[in-house]
Protein backbone atom coordinates (compact mmCIF):
# COMPACT_ATOMS: atom_id res chain seq x y z
CA MET A 1 85.08 108.67 -41.64
CA THR A 2 88.13 106.82 -42.94
CA HIS A 3 86.78 103.60 -41.47
CA HIS A 4 83.44 104.14 -43.25
CA ARG A 5 85.22 104.67 -46.62
CA ARG A 6 87.28 101.50 -46.18
CA ASN A 7 84.16 99.47 -45.38
CA SER A 8 82.38 100.98 -48.38
CA GLN A 9 85.30 100.14 -50.72
CA ARG A 10 85.61 96.65 -49.24
CA ASN A 11 81.88 96.06 -49.65
CA ARG A 12 82.07 97.17 -53.33
CA ILE A 13 85.00 94.81 -53.94
CA ILE A 14 83.17 91.93 -52.27
CA PHE A 15 80.03 92.73 -54.28
CA ILE A 16 81.99 92.88 -57.57
CA LEU A 17 83.78 89.62 -56.78
CA SER A 18 80.56 87.90 -55.78
CA ILE A 19 79.06 88.80 -59.15
CA GLY A 20 82.21 87.96 -61.15
CA VAL A 21 82.96 84.55 -59.63
CA PRO A 22 79.70 82.87 -60.69
CA VAL A 23 80.06 84.31 -64.19
CA VAL A 24 83.56 82.88 -64.52
CA PHE A 25 82.39 79.59 -63.07
CA LEU A 26 79.45 79.35 -65.48
CA ALA A 27 81.61 80.22 -68.47
CA GLY A 28 83.71 77.14 -67.76
CA CYS A 29 80.73 74.76 -67.60
CA ASP A 30 79.87 72.45 -70.49
CA THR A 31 76.38 73.33 -71.70
CA GLY A 32 76.18 70.15 -73.77
CA GLU A 33 75.67 72.23 -76.93
CA LYS A 34 77.17 70.48 -79.95
CA VAL A 35 79.30 72.30 -82.49
CA ARG A 36 80.10 71.74 -86.15
CA SER A 37 83.73 70.54 -86.27
CA TYR A 38 83.73 69.75 -90.00
CA THR A 39 83.96 72.13 -92.94
CA THR A 40 80.80 72.64 -94.99
CA PRO A 41 81.38 71.31 -98.53
CA HIS A 42 81.58 73.69 -101.49
CA SER A 43 80.35 70.96 -103.84
CA LEU A 44 78.21 67.86 -103.65
CA CYS A 45 79.58 65.13 -105.88
CA GLY A 46 80.96 67.61 -108.38
CA ILE A 47 78.07 70.09 -108.28
CA LYS A 48 79.01 73.45 -106.81
CA VAL A 49 76.93 74.60 -103.81
CA ASN A 50 76.95 77.76 -101.76
CA PRO A 51 78.10 76.68 -98.25
CA GLU A 52 76.01 79.47 -96.71
CA GLU A 53 72.86 78.03 -98.30
CA LEU A 54 73.77 74.45 -97.36
CA THR A 55 74.92 75.02 -93.76
CA PRO A 56 71.48 75.51 -92.15
CA PHE A 57 70.50 72.00 -93.22
CA LEU A 58 73.63 70.39 -91.75
CA PRO A 59 73.69 69.43 -88.07
CA PRO A 60 76.55 69.81 -85.61
CA GLY A 61 79.02 66.96 -85.67
CA GLU A 62 82.60 65.80 -85.94
CA LYS A 63 82.97 64.57 -89.53
CA ILE A 64 81.18 64.75 -92.85
CA LYS A 65 81.29 62.35 -95.79
CA VAL A 66 79.94 63.00 -99.27
CA ARG A 67 79.60 60.03 -101.60
CA LYS A 68 78.27 59.66 -105.13
CA GLU A 69 76.06 56.74 -106.12
CA PRO A 70 75.39 56.45 -109.86
CA HIS A 71 72.37 54.39 -110.94
CA SER A 72 70.77 53.73 -114.30
CA GLY A 73 69.14 57.03 -115.33
CA SER A 74 69.99 58.85 -112.12
CA THR A 75 72.78 59.90 -109.80
CA THR A 76 72.46 60.38 -106.07
CA CYS A 77 74.84 62.06 -103.71
CA LYS A 78 74.61 61.27 -100.02
CA VAL A 79 75.82 63.59 -97.26
CA VAL A 80 76.52 61.78 -94.00
CA VAL A 81 77.40 63.54 -90.72
CA ASP A 82 78.77 61.30 -87.97
CA ASP A 83 77.28 58.16 -89.56
CA THR A 84 73.82 59.74 -89.99
CA LEU A 85 72.42 60.35 -93.48
CA VAL A 86 71.49 64.03 -93.48
CA LEU A 87 70.98 65.06 -97.10
CA THR A 88 70.51 63.34 -100.45
CA THR A 89 70.73 64.99 -103.85
CA THR A 90 69.32 63.37 -106.97
CA GLN A 91 69.70 64.08 -110.66
CA GLU A 92 67.26 62.01 -112.67
CA TRP A 93 66.37 61.74 -116.34
CA LEU A 94 62.64 61.48 -117.10
CA LYS A 95 60.63 61.27 -120.30
CA LYS A 96 60.15 64.67 -121.95
CA GLY A 97 56.94 66.44 -121.09
CA LYS A 98 56.78 65.47 -117.43
CA SER A 99 56.57 68.10 -114.70
CA THR A 100 58.29 68.88 -111.42
CA VAL A 101 55.08 67.82 -109.64
CA TYR A 102 55.31 64.43 -111.33
CA PHE A 103 59.01 64.07 -110.44
CA ALA A 104 58.50 65.13 -106.81
CA SER A 105 55.60 62.71 -106.33
CA GLY A 106 57.90 59.81 -107.19
CA GLN A 107 60.59 61.00 -104.76
CA THR A 108 58.72 61.88 -101.56
CA LEU A 109 55.77 60.89 -99.41
CA GLU A 110 55.49 64.46 -98.13
CA ASP A 111 52.92 66.96 -99.41
CA ILE A 112 55.05 69.59 -101.14
CA LYS A 113 53.06 72.80 -100.69
CA PHE A 114 55.31 75.50 -102.14
CA SER A 115 56.05 76.22 -105.79
CA THR A 116 57.68 78.93 -107.83
CA GLY A 117 55.35 80.90 -110.10
CA ASP A 118 56.44 79.01 -113.21
CA GLY A 119 56.11 75.59 -111.49
CA ARG A 120 59.72 74.74 -112.25
CA PHE A 121 60.55 74.31 -108.56
CA ARG A 122 58.58 72.65 -105.75
CA TYR A 123 59.78 72.76 -102.15
CA SER A 124 58.98 72.34 -98.48
CA GLY A 125 60.91 73.06 -95.31
CA ASN A 126 63.46 70.33 -95.97
CA GLU A 127 62.95 69.12 -99.57
CA GLY A 128 63.33 70.78 -102.95
CA PHE A 129 62.67 69.57 -106.50
CA GLY A 130 63.58 71.23 -109.77
CA LYS A 131 63.53 70.88 -113.52
CA THR A 132 66.52 71.97 -115.56
CA ARG A 133 65.85 74.31 -118.47
CA GLU A 134 67.97 72.94 -121.29
CA CYS A 135 69.29 69.58 -120.12
CA VAL A 136 67.60 67.46 -122.75
CA ASP A 137 68.73 64.15 -124.16
CA GLU A 138 67.24 64.21 -127.66
CA VAL A 139 68.26 60.62 -128.42
CA TYR A 140 66.28 59.18 -125.49
CA GLU A 141 63.80 62.09 -125.35
CA GLN A 142 64.46 62.84 -121.70
CA GLU A 143 64.83 65.90 -119.46
CA LEU A 144 66.95 66.24 -116.31
CA TYR A 145 65.36 66.87 -112.89
CA THR A 146 66.98 67.63 -109.54
CA ALA A 147 66.13 66.92 -105.91
CA LEU A 148 67.53 67.90 -102.52
CA GLN A 149 66.13 66.01 -99.55
CA ALA A 150 67.39 66.95 -96.09
CA SER A 151 65.42 64.24 -94.30
CA GLY A 152 68.09 63.89 -91.62
CA SER A 153 68.05 67.60 -90.78
CA LYS A 154 66.03 69.17 -87.99
CA HIS A 155 66.12 72.52 -89.83
CA LYS A 156 62.97 73.31 -91.79
CA ASP A 157 62.87 76.53 -93.79
CA PRO A 158 60.95 76.67 -97.10
CA GLU A 159 62.60 79.89 -98.31
CA ALA A 160 66.10 78.58 -97.55
CA MET A 161 65.28 75.31 -99.34
CA LYS A 162 63.94 77.23 -102.34
CA ASP A 163 67.20 79.21 -102.57
CA LEU A 164 69.24 75.99 -102.28
CA ILE A 165 67.31 73.99 -104.92
CA VAL A 166 67.32 76.90 -107.39
CA SER A 167 71.08 77.48 -107.09
CA TYR A 168 71.80 73.74 -107.10
CA THR A 169 69.73 73.25 -110.28
CA ASP A 170 71.50 76.21 -111.92
CA GLU A 171 74.84 74.50 -111.22
CA VAL A 172 73.58 71.14 -112.53
CA GLU A 173 72.75 72.94 -115.80
CA LYS A 174 76.46 73.86 -116.08
CA SER A 175 77.65 70.33 -115.28
CA PRO A 176 78.87 67.66 -117.71
CA GLU A 177 75.70 65.64 -116.94
CA CYS A 178 73.71 68.35 -118.72
CA THR A 179 76.14 69.77 -121.25
CA ALA A 180 77.32 66.41 -122.62
CA THR A 181 73.79 65.32 -123.56
CA ALA A 182 72.40 68.69 -124.57
CA LEU A 183 74.79 69.04 -127.52
């Protein structure tokens, strides 16, 4: 009887070890899955963004660069992860009376299918376009529009893009680009 108990205990130990060893071995293997080693920005060229809203559109990688490019009548901000352009933001002044549909058509070749009820925002899985409410340059009779284009992102989520473009546009309305000309 004692011999039977020892064999039973030994068999349990062998069984437990045989299950545990492959698990430990697999845990040490490299699955090839990339990770995000950089910190998600809290602003894009001076415009505050919610990192939780931005993160889904950013790929894994080692380093991130954010650079501002001012142009006549517009400002772009480029987000580059490991030398790949991932996201571009645009703030552009257009003649008063234009619409977000008009602005978006000049920025993208994609068919933007989603819109907020008031038409102020248009968006797809990886692009969003907005019109500010009170950013008006009365001297030049222009209004300020916004765009977020995550063309370098594999993530496509219309609802997440809607949240991002709405909050981004709200922050642009608080920025010096809007407040300096709206006075």
